[in-house]
C-alpha atoms as a PDB file:
ATOM      1  CA  MET A   1      16.093 -98.351 -29.167  1.00  0.00           C
ATOM      2  CA  ASN A   2      13.314 -97.292 -26.784  1.00  0.00           C
ATOM      3  CA  GLU A   3       9.621 -97.882 -27.454  1.00  0.00           C
ATOM      4  CA  HIS A   4       8.991 -94.288 -28.587  1.00  0.00           C
ATOM      5  CA  GLN A   5      11.799 -94.457 -31.183  1.00  0.00           C
ATOM      6  CA  PHE A   6      10.559 -97.833 -32.395  1.00  0.00           C
ATOM      7  CA  ARG A   7       7.045 -96.494 -32.988  1.00  0.00           C
ATOM      8  CA  ARG A   8       8.342 -93.427 -34.873  1.00  0.00           C
ATOM      9  CA  ARG A   9      10.462 -95.617 -37.144  1.00  0.00           C
ATOM     10  CA  ALA A  10       7.540 -97.956 -37.801  1.00  0.00           C
ATOM     11  CA  ILE A  11       5.271 -95.038 -38.729  1.00  0.00           C
ATOM     12  CA  LEU A  12       7.946 -93.500 -40.962  1.00  0.00           C
ATOM     13  CA  CYS A  13       8.621 -96.770 -42.772  1.00  0.00           C
ATOM     14  CA  GLY A  14       4.908 -97.361 -43.228  1.00  0.00           C
ATOM     15  CA  GLY A  15       4.469 -93.903 -44.729  1.00  0.00           C
ATOM     16  CA  LEU A  16       7.361 -94.367 -47.149  1.00  0.00           C
ATOM     17  CA  ALA A  17       5.965 -97.721 -48.226  1.00  0.00           C
ATOM     18  CA  ALA A  18       2.578 -96.169 -48.926  1.00  0.00           C
ATOM     19  CA  VAL A  19       4.152 -93.458 -51.089  1.00  0.00           C
ATOM     20  CA  ALA A  20       6.278 -95.970 -52.972  1.00  0.00           C
ATOM     21  CA  ALA A  21       3.434 -98.448 -53.477  1.00  0.00           C
ATOM     22  CA  PRO A  22       1.901 -96.823 -56.599  1.00  0.00           C
ATOM     23  CA  ALA A  23       5.287 -96.618 -58.331  1.00  0.00           C
ATOM     24  CA  VAL A  24       5.984-100.263 -57.513  1.00  0.00           C
ATOM     25  CA  ALA A  25       2.539-101.240 -58.779  1.00  0.00           C
ATOM     26  CA  PHE A  26       3.095 -99.376 -62.046  1.00  0.00           C
ATOM     27  CA  ALA A  27       6.488-101.002 -62.496  1.00  0.00           C
ATOM     28  CA  GLN A  28       5.022-104.461 -61.965  1.00  0.00           C
ATOM     29  CA  ASP A  29       1.984-103.891 -64.205  1.00  0.00           C
ATOM     30  CA  ASN A  30       3.074-104.905 -67.700  1.00  0.00           C
ATOM     31  CA  ARG A  31      -0.400-105.226 -69.197  1.00  0.00           C
ATOM     32  CA  ALA A  32      -1.015-103.412 -72.471  1.00  0.00           C
ATOM     33  CA  ILE A  33      -2.469 -99.903 -72.516  1.00  0.00           C
ATOM     34  CA  GLU A  34      -5.215 -99.295 -75.071  1.00  0.00           C
ATOM     35  CA  TRP A  35      -4.774 -95.976 -76.907  1.00  0.00           C
ATOM     36  CA  VAL A  36      -8.127 -95.118 -78.479  1.00  0.00           C
ATOM     37  CA  VAL A  37      -8.262 -92.933 -81.604  1.00  0.00           C
ATOM     38  CA  GLY A  38     -11.572 -91.567 -82.861  1.00  0.00           C
ATOM     39  CA  TYR A  39     -10.580 -91.667 -86.543  1.00  0.00           C
ATOM     40  CA  ALA A  40      -9.853 -94.336 -89.120  1.00  0.00           C
ATOM     41  CA  ALA A  41      -6.458 -96.007 -89.430  1.00  0.00           C
ATOM     42  CA  GLY A  42      -4.050 -94.321 -91.817  1.00  0.00           C
ATOM     43  CA  GLY A  43      -5.027 -90.708 -91.141  1.00  0.00           C
ATOM     44  CA  GLY A  44      -3.035 -88.047 -89.335  1.00  0.00           C
ATOM     45  CA  SER A  45      -4.486 -88.853 -85.918  1.00  0.00           C
ATOM     46  CA  ASP A  46      -3.586 -92.495 -86.335  1.00  0.00           C
ATOM     47  CA  VAL A  47      -0.036 -91.662 -87.466  1.00  0.00           C
ATOM     48  CA  VAL A  48       0.582 -89.432 -84.457  1.00  0.00           C
ATOM     49  CA  ALA A  49      -0.780 -91.975 -81.978  1.00  0.00           C
ATOM     50  CA  ARG A  50       1.295 -94.838 -83.356  1.00  0.00           C
ATOM     51  CA  THR A  51       4.449 -92.734 -83.529  1.00  0.00           C
ATOM     52  CA  VAL A  52       4.167 -91.440 -79.968  1.00  0.00           C
ATOM     53  CA  ALA A  53       2.893 -94.767 -78.582  1.00  0.00           C
ATOM     54  CA  ASP A  54       6.031 -96.524 -79.790  1.00  0.00           C
ATOM     55  CA  ALA A  55       8.251 -94.042 -77.935  1.00  0.00           C
ATOM     56  CA  MET A  56       6.107 -94.026 -74.775  1.00  0.00           C
ATOM     57  CA  SER A  57       5.965 -97.809 -74.530  1.00  0.00           C
ATOM     58  CA  LYS A  58       9.746 -97.872 -74.156  1.00  0.00           C
ATOM     59  CA  THR A  59       9.825 -95.497 -71.185  1.00  0.00           C
ATOM     60  CA  LEU A  60       6.762 -97.048 -69.553  1.00  0.00           C
ATOM     61  CA  GLY A  61       7.964-100.602 -70.085  1.00  0.00           C
ATOM     62  CA  ARG A  62       4.491-101.594 -71.264  1.00  0.00           C
ATOM     63  CA  PRO A  63       3.008-102.272 -74.701  1.00  0.00           C
ATOM     64  CA  ILE A  64       0.585 -99.682 -76.072  1.00  0.00           C
ATOM     65  CA  ILE A  65      -2.026-100.888 -78.550  1.00  0.00           C
ATOM     66  CA  VAL A  66      -3.678 -98.297 -80.801  1.00  0.00           C
ATOM     67  CA  SER A  67      -7.411 -98.940 -81.246  1.00  0.00           C
ATOM     68  CA  ASN A  68      -9.341 -97.044 -83.939  1.00  0.00           C
ATOM     69  CA  LYS A  69     -12.993 -96.273 -83.159  1.00  0.00           C
ATOM     70  CA  PRO A  70     -14.070 -93.759 -85.818  1.00  0.00           C
ATOM     71  CA  GLY A  71     -17.427 -92.070 -86.214  1.00  0.00           C
ATOM     72  CA  ALA A  72     -19.827 -89.466 -84.785  1.00  0.00           C
ATOM     73  CA  ALA A  73     -17.221 -86.688 -84.569  1.00  0.00           C
ATOM     74  CA  THR A  74     -15.111 -88.753 -82.123  1.00  0.00           C
ATOM     75  CA  ASN A  75     -18.130 -89.245 -79.843  1.00  0.00           C
ATOM     76  CA  ILE A  76     -17.932 -93.034 -80.153  1.00  0.00           C
ATOM     77  CA  ALA A  77     -14.305 -93.141 -79.030  1.00  0.00           C
ATOM     78  CA  ALA A  78     -14.778 -90.492 -76.343  1.00  0.00           C
ATOM     79  CA  SER A  79     -17.806 -92.234 -74.866  1.00  0.00           C
ATOM     80  CA  TYR A  80     -15.966 -95.568 -74.834  1.00  0.00           C
ATOM     81  CA  VAL A  81     -13.078 -94.124 -72.819  1.00  0.00           C
ATOM     82  CA  ALA A  82     -15.273 -91.964 -70.565  1.00  0.00           C
ATOM     83  CA  ARG A  83     -17.226 -95.052 -69.505  1.00  0.00           C
ATOM     84  CA  SER A  84     -14.199 -97.299 -69.127  1.00  0.00           C
ATOM     85  CA  LYS A  85     -13.311 -98.576 -65.687  1.00  0.00           C
ATOM     86  CA  GLU A  86      -9.944 -99.841 -66.910  1.00  0.00           C
ATOM     87  CA  HIS A  87      -8.095 -97.073 -65.104  1.00  0.00           C
ATOM     88  CA  GLY A  88      -4.414 -97.317 -65.896  1.00  0.00           C
ATOM     89  CA  HIS A  89      -5.073 -99.328 -69.065  1.00  0.00           C
ATOM     90  CA  VAL A  90      -6.865 -96.961 -71.452  1.00  0.00           C
ATOM     91  CA  MET A  91      -6.298 -93.476 -72.838  1.00  0.00           C
ATOM     92  CA  LEU A  92      -7.707 -91.337 -75.609  1.00  0.00           C
ATOM     93  CA  THR A  93      -6.559 -88.978 -78.327  1.00  0.00           C
ATOM     94  CA  ALA A  94      -8.842 -86.074 -77.402  1.00  0.00           C
ATOM     95  CA  ASP A  95      -8.794 -83.490 -80.132  1.00  0.00           C
ATOM     96  CA  PHE A  96     -10.346 -80.266 -81.359  1.00  0.00           C
ATOM     97  CA  ALA A  97     -13.680 -81.989 -81.951  1.00  0.00           C
ATOM     98  CA  THR A  98     -13.792 -83.994 -78.727  1.00  0.00           C
ATOM     99  CA  LEU A  99     -12.995 -81.168 -76.342  1.00  0.00           C
ATOM    100  CA  ALA A 100     -13.620 -77.835 -78.107  1.00  0.00           C
ATOM    101  CA  ALA A 101     -16.238 -78.148 -80.843  1.00  0.00           C
ATOM    102  CA  ASN A 102     -18.605 -80.948 -79.857  1.00  0.00           C
ATOM    103  CA  PRO A 103     -19.964 -79.206 -76.732  1.00  0.00           C
ATOM    104  CA  TRP A 104     -21.391 -76.551 -79.079  1.00  0.00           C
ATOM    105  CA  LEU A 105     -22.272 -78.776 -82.034  1.00  0.00           C
ATOM    106  CA  PHE A 106     -24.333 -81.354 -80.155  1.00  0.00           C
ATOM    107  CA  THR A 107     -27.321 -80.670 -77.916  1.00  0.00           C
ATOM    108  CA  LYS A 108     -26.426 -83.699 -75.819  1.00  0.00           C
ATOM    109  CA  LEU A 109     -23.131 -85.570 -75.699  1.00  0.00           C
ATOM    110  CA  PRO A 110     -22.562 -89.141 -74.473  1.00  0.00           C
ATOM    111  CA  TYR A 111     -19.692 -87.785 -72.363  1.00  0.00           C
ATOM    112  CA  ASN A 112     -18.819 -84.613 -70.439  1.00  0.00           C
ATOM    113  CA  PRO A 113     -15.650 -83.063 -71.914  1.00  0.00           C
ATOM    114  CA  GLU A 114     -14.848 -81.192 -68.702  1.00  0.00           C
ATOM    115  CA  LYS A 115     -15.663 -83.851 -66.105  1.00  0.00           C
ATOM    116  CA  ASP A 116     -15.130 -87.288 -67.659  1.00  0.00           C
ATOM    117  CA  PHE A 117     -11.445 -86.972 -68.527  1.00  0.00           C
ATOM    118  CA  ALA A 118      -8.176 -86.155 -66.802  1.00  0.00           C
ATOM    119  CA  PRO A 119      -5.686 -84.349 -69.063  1.00  0.00           C
ATOM    120  CA  VAL A 120      -2.232 -85.857 -69.566  1.00  0.00           C
ATOM    121  CA  GLY A 121      -0.782 -83.289 -71.975  1.00  0.00           C
ATOM    122  CA  MET A 122      -0.956 -81.915 -75.500  1.00  0.00           C
ATOM    123  CA  LEU A 123       0.290 -83.981 -78.423  1.00  0.00           C
ATOM    124  CA  ALA A 124       0.559 -81.970 -81.603  1.00  0.00           C
ATOM    125  CA  ARG A 125      -0.821 -79.183 -83.724  1.00  0.00           C
ATOM    126  CA  PHE A 126      -1.592 -79.920 -87.373  1.00  0.00           C
ATOM    127  CA  PRO A 127      -1.346 -77.098 -89.922  1.00  0.00           C
ATOM    128  CA  MET A 128      -4.237 -77.182 -92.397  1.00  0.00           C
ATOM    129  CA  LEU A 129      -3.931 -77.005 -96.171  1.00  0.00           C
ATOM    130  CA  LEU A 130      -6.556 -76.101 -98.749  1.00  0.00           C
ATOM    131  CA  VAL A 131      -6.092 -78.917-101.258  1.00  0.00           C
ATOM    132  CA  VAL A 132      -7.774 -79.754-104.557  1.00  0.00           C
ATOM    133  CA  GLY A 133      -7.742 -82.762-106.826  1.00  0.00           C
ATOM    134  CA  THR A 134      -5.605 -82.572-109.941  1.00  0.00           C
ATOM    135  CA  ASN A 135      -8.781 -82.437-112.054  1.00  0.00           C
ATOM    136  CA  VAL A 136      -9.682 -79.014-110.579  1.00  0.00           C
ATOM    137  CA  PRO A 137      -8.450 -76.234-112.914  1.00  0.00           C
ATOM    138  CA  ALA A 138      -6.940 -74.000-110.228  1.00  0.00           C
ATOM    139  CA  ASN A 139      -3.395 -73.247-109.129  1.00  0.00           C
ATOM    140  CA  SER A 140      -4.143 -70.470-106.641  1.00  0.00           C
ATOM    141  CA  LEU A 141      -6.826 -69.401-104.204  1.00  0.00           C
ATOM    142  CA  ASN A 142      -8.229 -66.776-106.583  1.00  0.00           C
ATOM    143  CA  GLU A 143      -8.398 -69.253-109.469  1.00  0.00           C
ATOM    144  CA  PHE A 144     -10.208 -71.733-107.230  1.00  0.00           C
ATOM    145  CA  ILE A 145     -12.765 -69.169-106.067  1.00  0.00           C
ATOM    146  CA  THR A 146     -13.399 -68.090-109.664  1.00  0.00           C
ATOM    147  CA  TRP A 147     -13.891 -71.719-110.695  1.00  0.00           C
ATOM    148  CA  ALA A 148     -16.203 -72.480-107.758  1.00  0.00           C
ATOM    149  CA  LYS A 149     -18.365 -69.398-108.330  1.00  0.00           C
ATOM    150  CA  ALA A 150     -18.810 -70.334-111.986  1.00  0.00           C
ATOM    151  CA  SER A 151     -20.572 -73.544-110.935  1.00  0.00           C
ATOM    152  CA  ASP A 152     -24.374 -73.524-110.775  1.00  0.00           C
ATOM    153  CA  ALA A 153     -24.368 -76.108-107.991  1.00  0.00           C
ATOM    154  CA  ALA A 154     -22.730 -75.963-104.592  1.00  0.00           C
ATOM    155  CA  VAL A 155     -19.132 -77.198-104.615  1.00  0.00           C
ATOM    156  CA  THR A 156     -18.657 -80.327-102.508  1.00  0.00           C
ATOM    157  CA  TYR A 157     -15.907 -80.520 -99.925  1.00  0.00           C
ATOM    158  CA  ALA A 158     -14.665 -83.453 -97.872  1.00  0.00           C
ATOM    159  CA  SER A 159     -13.832 -83.571 -94.186  1.00  0.00           C
ATOM    160  CA  ALA A 160     -12.596 -86.127 -91.678  1.00  0.00           C
ATOM    161  CA  GLY A 161     -16.053 -86.136 -90.091  1.00  0.00           C
ATOM    162  CA  VAL A 162     -18.811 -83.911 -88.794  1.00  0.00           C
ATOM    163  CA  GLY A 163     -17.449 -81.466 -86.258  1.00  0.00           C
ATOM    164  CA  SER A 164     -13.831 -82.175 -87.162  1.00  0.00           C
ATOM    165  CA  PRO A 165     -11.400 -79.257 -87.532  1.00  0.00           C
ATOM    166  CA  HIS A 166     -11.422 -79.989 -91.270  1.00  0.00           C
ATOM    167  CA  HIS A 167     -15.187 -79.423 -91.290  1.00  0.00           C
ATOM    168  CA  LEU A 168     -15.142 -76.214 -89.257  1.00  0.00           C
ATOM    169  CA  ALA A 169     -12.173 -74.763 -91.136  1.00  0.00           C
ATOM    170  CA  SER A 170     -14.205 -75.285 -94.300  1.00  0.00           C
ATOM    171  CA  GLU A 171     -17.242 -73.597 -92.749  1.00  0.00           C
ATOM    172  CA  LEU A 172     -15.061 -70.647 -91.796  1.00  0.00           C
ATOM    173  CA  PHE A 173     -13.821 -70.595 -95.400  1.00  0.00           C
ATOM    174  CA  ARG A 174     -17.409 -70.601 -96.687  1.00  0.00           C
ATOM    175  CA  GLU A 175     -18.271 -67.718 -94.367  1.00  0.00           C
ATOM    176  CA  ARG A 176     -15.264 -65.675 -95.447  1.00  0.00           C
ATOM    177  CA  THR A 177     -15.601 -66.297 -99.219  1.00  0.00           C
ATOM    178  CA  GLY A 178     -19.362 -66.541 -99.685  1.00  0.00           C
ATOM    179  CA  LEU A 179     -19.032 -69.725-101.761  1.00  0.00           C
ATOM    180  CA  LYS A 180     -21.899 -72.202-102.102  1.00  0.00           C
ATOM    181  CA  MET A 181     -20.540 -75.371-100.507  1.00  0.00           C
ATOM    182  CA  GLN A 182     -21.852 -78.855 -99.728  1.00  0.00           C
ATOM    183  CA  HIS A 183     -20.332 -80.938 -96.925  1.00  0.00           C
ATOM    184  CA  ALA A 184     -19.363 -84.587 -97.511  1.00  0.00           C
ATOM    185  CA  PRO A 185     -18.225 -85.988 -94.147  1.00  0.00           C
ATOM    186  CA  TYR A 186     -16.067 -89.130 -94.034  1.00  0.00           C
ATOM    187  CA  ARG A 187     -15.111 -91.489 -91.234  1.00  0.00           C
ATOM    188  CA  GLY A 188     -11.606 -90.099 -90.941  1.00  0.00           C
ATOM    189  CA  ALA A 189      -9.115 -88.242 -93.104  1.00  0.00           C
ATOM    190  CA  ALA A 190      -7.680 -91.268 -94.913  1.00  0.00           C
ATOM    191  CA  PRO A 191     -10.827 -92.257 -96.878  1.00  0.00           C
ATOM    192  CA  ALA A 192     -11.537 -88.582 -97.643  1.00  0.00           C
ATOM    193  CA  VAL A 193      -8.052 -88.153 -99.090  1.00  0.00           C
ATOM    194  CA  GLN A 194      -8.472 -91.213-101.287  1.00  0.00           C
ATOM    195  CA  ASP A 195     -11.623 -89.730-102.849  1.00  0.00           C
ATOM    196  CA  LEU A 196      -9.838 -86.404-103.335  1.00  0.00           C
ATOM    197  CA  ILE A 197      -7.074 -88.212-105.208  1.00  0.00           C
ATOM    198  CA  GLY A 198      -9.626 -90.207-107.192  1.00  0.00           C
ATOM    199  CA  GLY A 199     -11.491 -87.084-108.282  1.00  0.00           C
ATOM    200  CA  GLN A 200     -14.790 -87.920-106.561  1.00  0.00           C
ATOM    201  CA  ILE A 201     -14.484 -84.817-104.343  1.00  0.00           C
ATOM    202  CA  PRO A 202     -12.970 -81.556-105.644  1.00  0.00           C
ATOM    203  CA  PHE A 203     -11.500 -79.984-102.522  1.00  0.00           C
ATOM    204  CA  ALA A 204     -11.007 -80.033 -98.771  1.00  0.00           C
ATOM    205  CA  PHE A 205      -9.133 -78.538 -95.869  1.00  0.00           C
ATOM    206  CA  MET A 206      -6.837 -81.324 -94.724  1.00  0.00           C
ATOM    207  CA  ASP A 207      -4.104 -81.581 -92.129  1.00  0.00           C
ATOM    208  CA  THR A 208      -0.508 -81.860 -93.284  1.00  0.00           C
ATOM    209  CA  ALA A 209      -0.054 -85.320 -91.774  1.00  0.00           C
ATOM    210  CA  SER A 210      -2.797 -86.700 -94.015  1.00  0.00           C
ATOM    211  CA  VAL A 211      -1.904 -85.032 -97.326  1.00  0.00           C
ATOM    212  CA  GLN A 212       1.703 -83.839 -97.331  1.00  0.00           C
ATOM    213  CA  GLN A 213       3.011 -86.964 -99.071  1.00  0.00           C
ATOM    214  CA  TYR A 214       0.346 -86.721-101.797  1.00  0.00           C
ATOM    215  CA  VAL A 215       1.048 -83.038-102.365  1.00  0.00           C
ATOM    216  CA  ALA A 216       4.763 -83.824-102.704  1.00  0.00           C
ATOM    217  CA  ALA A 217       3.982 -86.640-105.157  1.00  0.00           C
ATOM    218  CA  GLY A 218       1.743 -84.406-107.302  1.00  0.00           C
ATOM    219  CA  LYS A 219      -1.411 -86.404-106.568  1.00  0.00           C
ATOM    220  CA  LEU A 220      -3.033 -83.411-104.856  1.00  0.00           C
ATOM    221  CA  ARG A 221      -2.489 -79.684-105.291  1.00  0.00           C
ATOM    222  CA  ALA A 222      -2.159 -77.413-102.242  1.00  0.00           C
ATOM    223  CA  LEU A 223      -3.457 -73.900-102.846  1.00  0.00           C
ATOM    224  CA  GLY A 224      -2.953 -72.319 -99.441  1.00  0.00           C
ATOM    225  CA  VAL A 225      -1.907 -72.744 -95.821  1.00  0.00           C
ATOM    226  CA  ALA A 226      -4.322 -71.847 -93.020  1.00  0.00           C
ATOM    227  CA  SER A 227      -1.476 -70.704 -90.729  1.00  0.00           C
ATOM    228  CA  PRO A 228      -0.015 -67.282 -89.961  1.00  0.00           C
ATOM    229  CA  ALA A 229       3.204 -68.162 -91.819  1.00  0.00           C
ATOM    230  CA  ARG A 230       4.342 -70.512 -94.564  1.00  0.00           C
ATOM    231  CA  LEU A 231       5.471 -73.993 -93.591  1.00  0.00           C
ATOM    232  CA  ASN A 232       9.158 -74.874 -93.652  1.00  0.00           C
ATOM    233  CA  LEU A 233       8.349 -78.191 -95.290  1.00  0.00           C
ATOM    234  CA  LEU A 234       6.235 -76.547 -98.020  1.00  0.00           C
ATOM    235  CA  PRO A 235       7.771 -73.075 -98.450  1.00  0.00           C
ATOM    236  CA  ASN A 236       6.309 -72.472-101.923  1.00  0.00           C
ATOM    237  CA  ILE A 237       2.700 -72.693-100.754  1.00  0.00           C
ATOM    238  CA  PRO A 238       1.432 -69.235 -99.714  1.00  0.00           C
ATOM    239  CA  THR A 239      -0.812 -68.672 -96.737  1.00  0.00           C
ATOM    240  CA  LEU A 240      -4.474 -67.865 -97.262  1.00  0.00           C
ATOM    241  CA  SER A 241      -3.843 -64.513 -95.602  1.00  0.00           C
ATOM    242  CA  GLU A 242      -1.244 -63.703 -98.260  1.00  0.00           C
ATOM    243  CA  GLN A 243      -3.856 -64.430-100.901  1.00  0.00           C
ATOM    244  CA  GLY A 244      -6.498 -62.117 -99.525  1.00  0.00           C
ATOM    245  CA  ILE A 245      -8.347 -63.865 -96.691  1.00  0.00           C
ATOM    246  CA  GLN A 246      -6.987 -61.879 -93.784  1.00  0.00           C
ATOM    247  CA  ASP A 247      -6.224 -63.581 -90.447  1.00  0.00           C
ATOM    248  CA  PHE A 248      -7.461 -66.976 -91.612  1.00  0.00           C
ATOM    249  CA  THR A 249      -6.027 -69.390 -89.055  1.00  0.00           C
ATOM    250  CA  ALA A 250      -7.202 -72.929 -88.396  1.00  0.00           C
ATOM    251  CA  TYR A 251      -5.350 -75.862 -86.884  1.00  0.00           C
ATOM    252  CA  ALA A 252      -6.215 -79.397 -86.014  1.00  0.00           C
ATOM    253  CA  TRP A 253      -4.785 -80.241 -82.591  1.00  0.00           C
ATOM    254  CA  GLN A 254      -4.708 -83.181 -80.255  1.00  0.00           C
ATOM    255  CA  GLY A 255      -4.071 -83.966 -76.637  1.00  0.00           C
ATOM    256  CA  LEU A 256      -3.932 -87.104 -74.532  1.00  0.00           C
ATOM    257  CA  VAL A 257      -6.463 -87.833 -71.770  1.00  0.00           C
ATOM    258  CA  VAL A 258      -7.437 -90.704 -69.500  1.00  0.00           C
ATOM    259  CA  PRO A 259     -10.769 -91.475 -67.798  1.00  0.00           C
ATOM    260  CA  GLU A 260     -11.529 -89.393 -64.728  1.00  0.00           C
ATOM    261  CA  GLY A 261     -10.752 -91.515 -61.695  1.00  0.00           C
ATOM    262  CA  THR A 262      -7.371 -92.609 -62.985  1.00  0.00           C
ATOM    263  CA  SER A 263      -4.841 -92.208 -60.177  1.00  0.00           C
ATOM    264  CA  PRO A 264      -2.880 -88.929 -60.135  1.00  0.00           C
ATOM    265  CA  GLU A 265       0.317 -90.952 -59.842  1.00  0.00           C
ATOM    266  CA  PHE A 266      -0.357 -92.752 -63.107  1.00  0.00           C
ATOM    267  CA  VAL A 267      -1.379 -89.516 -64.844  1.00  0.00           C
ATOM    268  CA  ALA A 268       1.929 -87.981 -63.741  1.00  0.00           C
ATOM    269  CA  GLN A 269       3.810 -91.012 -65.029  1.00  0.00           C
ATOM    270  CA  LEU A 270       2.050 -90.797 -68.399  1.00  0.00           C
ATOM    271  CA  SER A 271       2.682 -87.057 -68.612  1.00  0.00           C
ATOM    272  CA  LYS A 272       6.398 -87.550 -67.999  1.00  0.00           C
ATOM    273  CA  SER A 273       6.548 -90.340 -70.576  1.00  0.00           C
ATOM    274  CA  LEU A 274       4.638 -88.238 -73.131  1.00  0.00           C
ATOM    275  CA  ASP A 275       6.993 -85.288 -72.650  1.00  0.00           C
ATOM    276  CA  ALA A 276      10.014 -87.544 -73.163  1.00  0.00           C
ATOM    277  CA  ALA A 277       8.453 -89.056 -76.288  1.00  0.00           C
ATOM    278  CA  LEU A 278       7.779 -85.668 -77.877  1.00  0.00           C
ATOM    279  CA  ASP A 279      11.402 -84.717 -77.174  1.00  0.00           C
ATOM    280  CA  SER A 280      12.808 -87.937 -78.641  1.00  0.00           C
ATOM    281  CA  PRO A 281      14.747 -87.841 -81.947  1.00  0.00           C
ATOM    282  CA  GLN A 282      12.475 -90.379 -83.663  1.00  0.00           C
ATOM    283  CA  VAL A 283       9.257 -88.499 -82.859  1.00  0.00           C
ATOM    284  CA  LYS A 284      10.801 -85.135 -83.762  1.00  0.00           C
ATOM    285  CA  ALA A 285      11.941 -86.520 -87.125  1.00  0.00           C
ATOM    286  CA  ARG A 286       8.521 -88.018 -87.881  1.00  0.00           C
ATOM    287  CA  PHE A 287       6.696 -84.827 -86.934  1.00  0.00           C
ATOM    288  CA  GLN A 288       9.059 -82.726 -89.036  1.00  0.00           C
ATOM    289  CA  ALA A 289       8.457 -84.960 -92.048  1.00  0.00           C
ATOM    290  CA  LEU A 290       4.713 -84.398 -91.656  1.00  0.00           C
ATOM    291  CA  ALA A 291       4.983 -80.646 -90.889  1.00  0.00           C
ATOM    292  CA  LEU A 292       3.502 -81.196 -87.421  1.00  0.00           C
ATOM    293  CA  GLU A 293       4.211 -79.039 -84.393  1.00  0.00           C
ATOM    294  CA  ALA A 294       4.741 -80.859 -81.096  1.00  0.00           C
ATOM    295  CA  MET A 295       2.860 -79.222 -78.210  1.00  0.00           C
ATOM    296  CA  ARG A 296       4.685 -80.194 -75.048  1.00  0.00           C
ATOM    297  CA  GLY A 297       3.178 -79.074 -71.766  1.00  0.00           C
ATOM    298  CA  THR A 298       1.666 -79.990 -68.433  1.00  0.00           C
ATOM    299  CA  PRO A 299      -1.870 -81.231 -67.777  1.00  0.00           C
ATOM    300  CA  ARG A 300      -2.713 -77.759 -66.461  1.00  0.00           C
ATOM    301  CA  GLN A 301      -1.439 -76.103 -69.632  1.00  0.00           C
ATOM    302  CA  MET A 302      -3.594 -78.471 -71.663  1.00  0.00           C
ATOM    303  CA  THR A 303      -6.642 -77.502 -69.610  1.00  0.00           C
ATOM    304  CA  ASP A 304      -6.020 -73.794 -70.269  1.00  0.00           C
ATOM    305  CA  TYR A 305      -5.423 -74.301 -74.001  1.00  0.00           C
ATOM    306  CA  VAL A 306      -8.578 -76.364 -74.454  1.00  0.00           C
ATOM    307  CA  LYS A 307     -10.665 -73.766 -72.612  1.00  0.00           C
ATOM    308  CA  ALA A 308      -9.428 -70.981 -74.916  1.00  0.00           C
ATOM    309  CA  GLU A 309     -10.097 -73.051 -78.045  1.00  0.00           C
ATOM    310  CA  ARG A 310     -13.571 -74.031 -76.853  1.00  0.00           C
ATOM    311  CA  GLU A 311     -14.470 -70.369 -76.412  1.00  0.00           C
ATOM    312  CA  ARG A 312     -12.973 -69.314 -79.765  1.00  0.00           C
ATOM    313  CA  TRP A 313     -14.736 -71.914 -81.912  1.00  0.00           C
ATOM    314  CA  GLY A 314     -17.878 -71.772 -79.832  1.00  0.00           C
ATOM    315  CA  ARG A 315     -18.373 -68.184 -80.946  1.00  0.00           C
ATOM    316  CA  LEU A 316     -18.098 -69.216 -84.622  1.00  0.00           C
ATOM    317  CA  ILE A 317     -20.414 -72.196 -84.228  1.00  0.00           C
ATOM    318  CA  GLN A 318     -23.077 -70.221 -82.386  1.00  0.00           C
ATOM    319  CA  ALA A 319     -22.850 -67.224 -84.720  1.00  0.00           C
ATOM    320  CA  ASN A 320     -23.516 -69.471 -87.720  1.00  0.00           C
ATOM    321  CA  GLY A 321     -26.096 -71.675 -86.040  1.00  0.00           C
ATOM    322  CA  ILE A 322     -24.144 -74.868 -86.804  1.00  0.00           C
ATOM    323  CA  LYS A 323     -25.665 -77.975 -85.235  1.00  0.00           C
ATOM    324  CA  LEU A 324     -24.960 -81.633 -85.892  1.00  0.00           C
ATOM    325  CA  ASP A 325     -27.988 -83.223 -84.217  1.00  0.00           C
END
């Protein structure tokens, strides 16, 4: 081998080693990944994270620990991850509130939804149900509206927190029905659902993951679905559109992000693992049981979806002058 050939081989081998280095580093790094959720344990967001984390940890070969940091419309969790320097060891459930609603609801955020995160991919879409406690004398949307209008005081509704999709779906409902309503925000869906069951709060828009089991058990009554079509899991519950509120559509949705500055190689690895998890039999079965819709896609597709949702709900928020600070 002459000197020229030797140099070419050395350069080629060096280049291949540099390309392979990130993959080797990821394979050798078995430290736990913290998956931050901006809602309380036990709610739909928590269920999705734990279900998907279990499947992803197997393909990544690393443990994933779910960490709940509820409060301030996910701002606490989002700020924590945005400021984290633990690149490769932390990620966030970034949802409707975090990425689409909060930029309009808050004058100043402790994070930048467009610059502080790198998208990994979408997680799931949660159909929303209008549910009432069993002490509310209504079995349909019209009966509920009649009951609510007969009250001298505003009817109180629960949500998973200020700025949550549950909150804004309810505000859209107020706008479309003209009902007098009073917001009672909770630190997550789980505690709100418990007060609905206990009769302390009469109604709410809640995601299927948080209330489906209680509707099936007769502890809550579902009056309508805020989707274009009925749900396969709950075929006897009519849509709100069927009952007179035309084109009423509201979903809770979630995606997975990491702090900006995380290496593209690791983002790609996470995206591949997430896609495999959403396609796995165990995750599909769990989502089906909760009437959730998996939203598989690339980081770019997530960026486009979030942009469209931010514009859609921004128009509603601005038109109604809704502010949370």
